[in-house]
Every structure is written in C-alpha cells, then in structure tokens.
Amino acid sequence: MVCSDVFPYRIDEAPVLRCSTPEEWRAALRRLIDDAALRATLGQQLHQWVQEKYALQGQTQRWFEAIFAPSQTTSPP
C-alpha cells in the first residue's frame, strides 16, 4: 500500500500511497500504523484493483476478444 513514486506504480491509478523521499515514506507508514480504518480501506481498494486489472478472472473478456476478434489486417489491393 506504500510504494516509491516511480513509473510502474503510477500506471492504472493504483490505490496506494506513493512516496518520493524518506520523509514521505515515514509519514505514509505512520499514517497506516496510526489509522486502522485507512489500512482497511486501502487494502480493500487495492485488492479490488488487482482483481479488476491483473487477475485472470477480471481479464477473461479482454483475452477472449484479443484471441477471437476478427483480424484488423487489410487485404492486398
């Protein structure tokens, strides 16, 4: 739920606390230590996000369309 503010963690709007400095890391970790409701909320949001974006169950339609969609190639003239 706490990660570095670098490219891989900036995509898809993950529900995490992003940190760039040691001070931000300490503050983010302190927030999570002190706030059980925030931990629970972020944990639930992140679980849902992973299920929708990356778990196979959430991607079956996209896989089906990618495999079985009509080809987008054009015929030669």
C-alpha atoms as a PDB file:
ATOM      1  CA  MET A   1       0.000   0.000   0.000  1.00  0.00           C
ATOM      2  CA  VAL A   2       3.066   2.237   0.201  1.00  0.00           C
ATOM      3  CA  CYS A   3       5.390   2.392  -2.796  1.00  0.00           C
ATOM      4  CA  SER A   4       8.003   4.517  -4.475  1.00  0.00           C
ATOM      5  CA  ASP A   5       6.690   7.170  -6.825  1.00  0.00           C
ATOM      6  CA  VAL A   6       8.179   5.617  -9.951  1.00  0.00           C
ATOM      7  CA  PHE A   7       6.679   4.709 -13.320  1.00  0.00           C
ATOM      8  CA  PRO A   8       5.496   1.141 -12.727  1.00  0.00           C
ATOM      9  CA  TYR A   9       3.438   2.296  -9.736  1.00  0.00           C
ATOM     10  CA  ARG A  10       1.980   5.347 -11.492  1.00  0.00           C
ATOM     11  CA  ILE A  11       0.004   3.425 -14.101  1.00  0.00           C
ATOM     12  CA  ASP A  12      -3.626   2.400 -13.822  1.00  0.00           C
ATOM     13  CA  GLU A  13      -4.243   4.680 -10.825  1.00  0.00           C
ATOM     14  CA  ALA A  14      -3.420   2.114  -8.160  1.00  0.00           C
ATOM     15  CA  PRO A  15      -4.922   2.980  -4.757  1.00  0.00           C
ATOM     16  CA  VAL A  16      -1.607   3.272  -2.932  1.00  0.00           C
ATOM     17  CA  LEU A  17       0.400   5.873  -1.054  1.00  0.00           C
ATOM     18  CA  ARG A  18       3.274   6.950  -3.316  1.00  0.00           C
ATOM     19  CA  CYS A  19       6.449   8.345  -1.774  1.00  0.00           C
ATOM     20  CA  SER A  20       9.459  10.134  -3.223  1.00  0.00           C
ATOM     21  CA  THR A  21      11.538  10.908  -0.150  1.00  0.00           C
ATOM     22  CA  PRO A  22      12.437   9.166   3.099  1.00  0.00           C
ATOM     23  CA  GLU A  23      10.269  11.715   4.940  1.00  0.00           C
ATOM     24  CA  GLU A  24       7.264  10.837   2.769  1.00  0.00           C
ATOM     25  CA  TRP A  25       7.865   7.135   3.419  1.00  0.00           C
ATOM     26  CA  ARG A  26       7.961   7.712   7.177  1.00  0.00           C
ATOM     27  CA  ALA A  27       4.800   9.839   7.053  1.00  0.00           C
ATOM     28  CA  ALA A  28       2.926   7.308   4.911  1.00  0.00           C
ATOM     29  CA  LEU A  29       3.922   4.396   7.135  1.00  0.00           C
ATOM     30  CA  ARG A  30       2.992   6.390  10.246  1.00  0.00           C
ATOM     31  CA  ARG A  31      -0.456   7.136   8.736  1.00  0.00           C
ATOM     32  CA  LEU A  32      -1.041   3.433   8.150  1.00  0.00           C
ATOM     33  CA  ILE A  33       0.233   2.458  11.592  1.00  0.00           C
ATOM     34  CA  ASP A  34      -1.992   5.032  13.286  1.00  0.00           C
ATOM     35  CA  ASP A  35      -5.148   4.640  11.183  1.00  0.00           C
ATOM     36  CA  ALA A  36      -6.687   1.165  11.110  1.00  0.00           C
ATOM     37  CA  ALA A  37      -9.640   2.375   9.026  1.00  0.00           C
ATOM     38  CA  LEU A  38      -7.293   3.761   6.363  1.00  0.00           C
ATOM     39  CA  ARG A  39      -5.376   0.450   6.294  1.00  0.00           C
ATOM     40  CA  ALA A  40      -8.595  -1.478   5.832  1.00  0.00           C
ATOM     41  CA  THR A  41      -9.936   0.863   3.162  1.00  0.00           C
ATOM     42  CA  LEU A  42      -6.715   0.935   1.140  1.00  0.00           C
ATOM     43  CA  GLY A  43      -6.348  -2.818   1.496  1.00  0.00           C
ATOM     44  CA  GLN A  44      -9.850  -3.444   0.165  1.00  0.00           C
ATOM     45  CA  GLN A  45      -9.403  -0.936  -2.654  1.00  0.00           C
ATOM     46  CA  LEU A  46      -6.068  -2.412  -3.680  1.00  0.00           C
ATOM     47  CA  HIS A  47      -7.447  -5.959  -3.610  1.00  0.00           C
ATOM     48  CA  GLN A  48     -10.335  -4.920  -5.847  1.00  0.00           C
ATOM     49  CA  TRP A  49      -7.969  -3.022  -8.158  1.00  0.00           C
ATOM     50  CA  VAL A  50      -5.698  -6.060  -8.579  1.00  0.00           C
ATOM     51  CA  GLN A  51      -8.682  -8.313  -9.260  1.00  0.00           C
ATOM     52  CA  GLU A  52     -10.021  -5.958 -11.942  1.00  0.00           C
ATOM     53  CA  LYS A  53      -6.723  -5.039 -13.601  1.00  0.00           C
ATOM     54  CA  TYR A  54      -4.492  -8.083 -13.302  1.00  0.00           C
ATOM     55  CA  ALA A  55      -6.248 -11.228 -12.071  1.00  0.00           C
ATOM     56  CA  LEU A  56      -7.242 -13.637 -14.817  1.00  0.00           C
ATOM     57  CA  GLN A  57     -10.871 -13.621 -13.704  1.00  0.00           C
ATOM     58  CA  GLY A  58     -11.100  -9.905 -14.402  1.00  0.00           C
ATOM     59  CA  GLN A  59      -9.440 -10.169 -17.800  1.00  0.00           C
ATOM     60  CA  THR A  60     -11.207 -13.098 -19.461  1.00  0.00           C
ATOM     61  CA  GLN A  61     -13.299 -10.922 -21.759  1.00  0.00           C
ATOM     62  CA  ARG A  62     -10.262  -8.965 -22.921  1.00  0.00           C
ATOM     63  CA  TRP A  63      -8.350 -12.202 -23.575  1.00  0.00           C
ATOM     64  CA  PHE A  64     -11.301 -13.677 -25.461  1.00  0.00           C
ATOM     65  CA  GLU A  65     -11.596 -10.566 -27.640  1.00  0.00           C
ATOM     66  CA  ALA A  66      -7.864 -10.474 -28.304  1.00  0.00           C
ATOM     67  CA  ILE A  67      -7.800 -14.114 -29.369  1.00  0.00           C
ATOM     68  CA  PHE A  68     -11.066 -14.354 -31.288  1.00  0.00           C
ATOM     69  CA  ALA A  69     -11.625 -10.842 -32.641  1.00  0.00           C
ATOM     70  CA  PRO A  70     -11.664 -10.535 -36.418  1.00  0.00           C
ATOM     71  CA  SER A  71      -8.291  -9.683 -37.865  1.00  0.00           C
ATOM     72  CA  GLN A  72      -7.612  -5.987 -38.389  1.00  0.00           C
ATOM     73  CA  THR A  73      -5.317  -6.618 -41.361  1.00  0.00           C
ATOM     74  CA  THR A  74      -6.265  -5.281 -44.734  1.00  0.00           C
ATOM     75  CA  SER A  75      -6.401  -7.301 -47.915  1.00  0.00           C
ATOM     76  CA  PRO A  76      -3.929  -6.548 -50.656  1.00  0.00           C
ATOM     77  CA  PRO A  77      -5.360  -4.356 -53.455  1.00  0.00           C
END
